[in-house]
Amino acid sequence: MSTTCLSPLYATDLTAVLYAQKLAPPKKKLTKLEEATIVKRILDLDLRGFPPTKAILHDIANKLLEERDASTVGKNWLDNFVNHKKELKIC
């Protein structure tokens, strides 16, 4: 349901609903275990001398999500993922 549909149902101010949406934390698609698996795979590829390309990492994430019928990662997912992981540094 959209926010305009929910507002009359719950007798709330539309402004309050929109404000609450902005305060809500972003939804994470991957579990902590799946994220740890991706970090481990990135480090393993690097150790073996293979560059972990964006295409490879998107594929790994999407295969993990596919196993539990979740939607795929977005186009900016990898940049956000790397920025939030201290173990990963882009050289």
C-alpha atoms as a PDB file:
ATOM      1  CA  MET A   1       0.000   0.000   0.000  1.00  0.00           C
ATOM      2  CA  SER A   2       1.121   3.522  -0.649  1.00  0.00           C
ATOM      3  CA  THR A   3       1.497   6.146   2.046  1.00  0.00           C
ATOM      4  CA  THR A   4      -1.533   8.018   0.736  1.00  0.00           C
ATOM      5  CA  CYS A   5      -3.633   4.877   1.176  1.00  0.00           C
ATOM      6  CA  LEU A   6      -2.304   4.156   4.662  1.00  0.00           C
ATOM      7  CA  SER A   7      -2.733   7.660   6.027  1.00  0.00           C
ATOM      8  CA  PRO A   8      -6.579   7.674   6.012  1.00  0.00           C
ATOM      9  CA  LEU A   9      -6.737   4.086   7.288  1.00  0.00           C
ATOM     10  CA  TYR A  10      -4.786   4.848  10.412  1.00  0.00           C
ATOM     11  CA  ALA A  11      -6.009   8.442  10.800  1.00  0.00           C
ATOM     12  CA  THR A  12      -2.493   9.836  10.693  1.00  0.00           C
ATOM     13  CA  ASP A  13      -1.114  12.950   9.157  1.00  0.00           C
ATOM     14  CA  LEU A  14       0.539  12.249   5.801  1.00  0.00           C
ATOM     15  CA  THR A  15       3.470  14.466   6.825  1.00  0.00           C
ATOM     16  CA  ALA A  16       4.087  12.264   9.876  1.00  0.00           C
ATOM     17  CA  VAL A  17       4.058   9.129   7.722  1.00  0.00           C
ATOM     18  CA  LEU A  18       6.547  10.594   5.250  1.00  0.00           C
ATOM     19  CA  TYR A  19       8.773  11.815   8.093  1.00  0.00           C
ATOM     20  CA  ALA A  20       8.778   8.344   9.642  1.00  0.00           C
ATOM     21  CA  GLN A  21       9.791   6.816   6.312  1.00  0.00           C
ATOM     22  CA  LYS A  22      12.821   9.110   6.107  1.00  0.00           C
ATOM     23  CA  LEU A  23      13.888   8.070   9.607  1.00  0.00           C
ATOM     24  CA  ALA A  24      13.536   4.362   8.891  1.00  0.00           C
ATOM     25  CA  PRO A  25      16.874   2.580   8.468  1.00  0.00           C
ATOM     26  CA  PRO A  26      17.636   1.350   4.959  1.00  0.00           C
ATOM     27  CA  LYS A  27      16.579  -2.213   4.282  1.00  0.00           C
ATOM     28  CA  LYS A  28      19.391  -4.686   3.878  1.00  0.00           C
ATOM     29  CA  LYS A  29      18.888  -7.497   1.430  1.00  0.00           C
ATOM     30  CA  LEU A  30      21.796  -9.645   2.550  1.00  0.00           C
ATOM     31  CA  THR A  31      22.112 -11.278   5.948  1.00  0.00           C
ATOM     32  CA  LYS A  32      25.262 -10.831   8.037  1.00  0.00           C
ATOM     33  CA  LEU A  33      26.306 -14.384   7.120  1.00  0.00           C
ATOM     34  CA  GLU A  34      25.844 -13.668   3.407  1.00  0.00           C
ATOM     35  CA  GLU A  35      27.848 -10.455   3.737  1.00  0.00           C
ATOM     36  CA  ALA A  36      30.618 -12.317   5.570  1.00  0.00           C
ATOM     37  CA  THR A  37      30.608 -14.935   2.801  1.00  0.00           C
ATOM     38  CA  ILE A  38      31.056 -12.232   0.158  1.00  0.00           C
ATOM     39  CA  VAL A  39      33.896 -10.573   2.092  1.00  0.00           C
ATOM     40  CA  LYS A  40      35.605 -13.962   2.485  1.00  0.00           C
ATOM     41  CA  ARG A  41      35.217 -14.629  -1.247  1.00  0.00           C
ATOM     42  CA  ILE A  42      36.622 -11.192  -2.149  1.00  0.00           C
ATOM     43  CA  LEU A  43      39.671 -11.749   0.048  1.00  0.00           C
ATOM     44  CA  ASP A  44      40.119 -15.273  -1.330  1.00  0.00           C
ATOM     45  CA  LEU A  45      40.010 -14.051  -4.942  1.00  0.00           C
ATOM     46  CA  ASP A  46      42.522 -11.323  -4.125  1.00  0.00           C
ATOM     47  CA  LEU A  47      44.841 -13.759  -2.377  1.00  0.00           C
ATOM     48  CA  ARG A  48      44.820 -16.000  -5.467  1.00  0.00           C
ATOM     49  CA  GLY A  49      45.649 -13.063  -7.726  1.00  0.00           C
ATOM     50  CA  PHE A  50      42.241 -12.730  -9.375  1.00  0.00           C
ATOM     51  CA  PRO A  51      40.734  -9.251  -9.393  1.00  0.00           C
ATOM     52  CA  PRO A  52      37.263  -9.333  -7.806  1.00  0.00           C
ATOM     53  CA  THR A  53      35.375  -7.419 -10.514  1.00  0.00           C
ATOM     54  CA  LYS A  54      32.011  -5.761 -10.029  1.00  0.00           C
ATOM     55  CA  ALA A  55      30.385  -8.317 -12.315  1.00  0.00           C
ATOM     56  CA  ILE A  56      31.748 -11.243 -10.291  1.00  0.00           C
ATOM     57  CA  LEU A  57      30.661  -9.722  -6.976  1.00  0.00           C
ATOM     58  CA  HIS A  58      27.186  -8.808  -8.226  1.00  0.00           C
ATOM     59  CA  ASP A  59      26.854 -12.381  -9.468  1.00  0.00           C
ATOM     60  CA  ILE A  60      27.901 -13.825  -6.096  1.00  0.00           C
ATOM     61  CA  ALA A  61      25.440 -11.594  -4.204  1.00  0.00           C
ATOM     62  CA  ASN A  62      22.594 -12.342  -6.601  1.00  0.00           C
ATOM     63  CA  LYS A  63      23.215 -16.105  -6.384  1.00  0.00           C
ATOM     64  CA  LEU A  64      23.042 -15.901  -2.590  1.00  0.00           C
ATOM     65  CA  LEU A  65      19.792 -13.941  -2.807  1.00  0.00           C
ATOM     66  CA  GLU A  66      18.402 -16.313  -5.431  1.00  0.00           C
ATOM     67  CA  GLU A  67      18.720 -19.212  -2.994  1.00  0.00           C
ATOM     68  CA  ARG A  68      16.072 -17.629  -0.784  1.00  0.00           C
ATOM     69  CA  ASP A  69      13.993 -16.077  -3.588  1.00  0.00           C
ATOM     70  CA  ALA A  70      14.937 -12.484  -2.761  1.00  0.00           C
ATOM     71  CA  SER A  71      15.250  -9.677  -5.284  1.00  0.00           C
ATOM     72  CA  THR A  72      18.618  -8.874  -6.813  1.00  0.00           C
ATOM     73  CA  VAL A  73      21.038  -6.210  -5.603  1.00  0.00           C
ATOM     74  CA  GLY A  74      20.917  -2.732  -7.117  1.00  0.00           C
ATOM     75  CA  LYS A  75      23.447  -0.984  -9.314  1.00  0.00           C
ATOM     76  CA  ASN A  76      25.020   0.937  -6.384  1.00  0.00           C
ATOM     77  CA  TRP A  77      25.035  -2.010  -3.992  1.00  0.00           C
ATOM     78  CA  LEU A  78      28.707  -2.871  -4.405  1.00  0.00           C
ATOM     79  CA  ASP A  79      29.958   0.668  -3.805  1.00  0.00           C
ATOM     80  CA  ASN A  80      27.869   0.931  -0.635  1.00  0.00           C
ATOM     81  CA  PHE A  81      28.946  -2.540   0.488  1.00  0.00           C
ATOM     82  CA  VAL A  82      32.655  -1.785   0.084  1.00  0.00           C
ATOM     83  CA  ASN A  83      32.300   1.586   1.825  1.00  0.00           C
ATOM     84  CA  HIS A  84      30.749  -0.083   4.882  1.00  0.00           C
ATOM     85  CA  LYS A  85      33.251  -2.928   5.181  1.00  0.00           C
ATOM     86  CA  LYS A  86      36.466  -2.031   6.982  1.00  0.00           C
ATOM     87  CA  GLU A  87      38.150  -5.217   5.751  1.00  0.00           C
ATOM     88  CA  LEU A  88      37.861  -4.045   2.155  1.00  0.00           C
ATOM     89  CA  LYS A  89      39.877  -1.212   0.745  1.00  0.00           C
ATOM     90  CA  ILE A  90      39.895  -0.125  -2.886  1.00  0.00           C
ATOM     91  CA  CYS A  91      43.400   0.617  -4.170  1.00  0.00           C
END
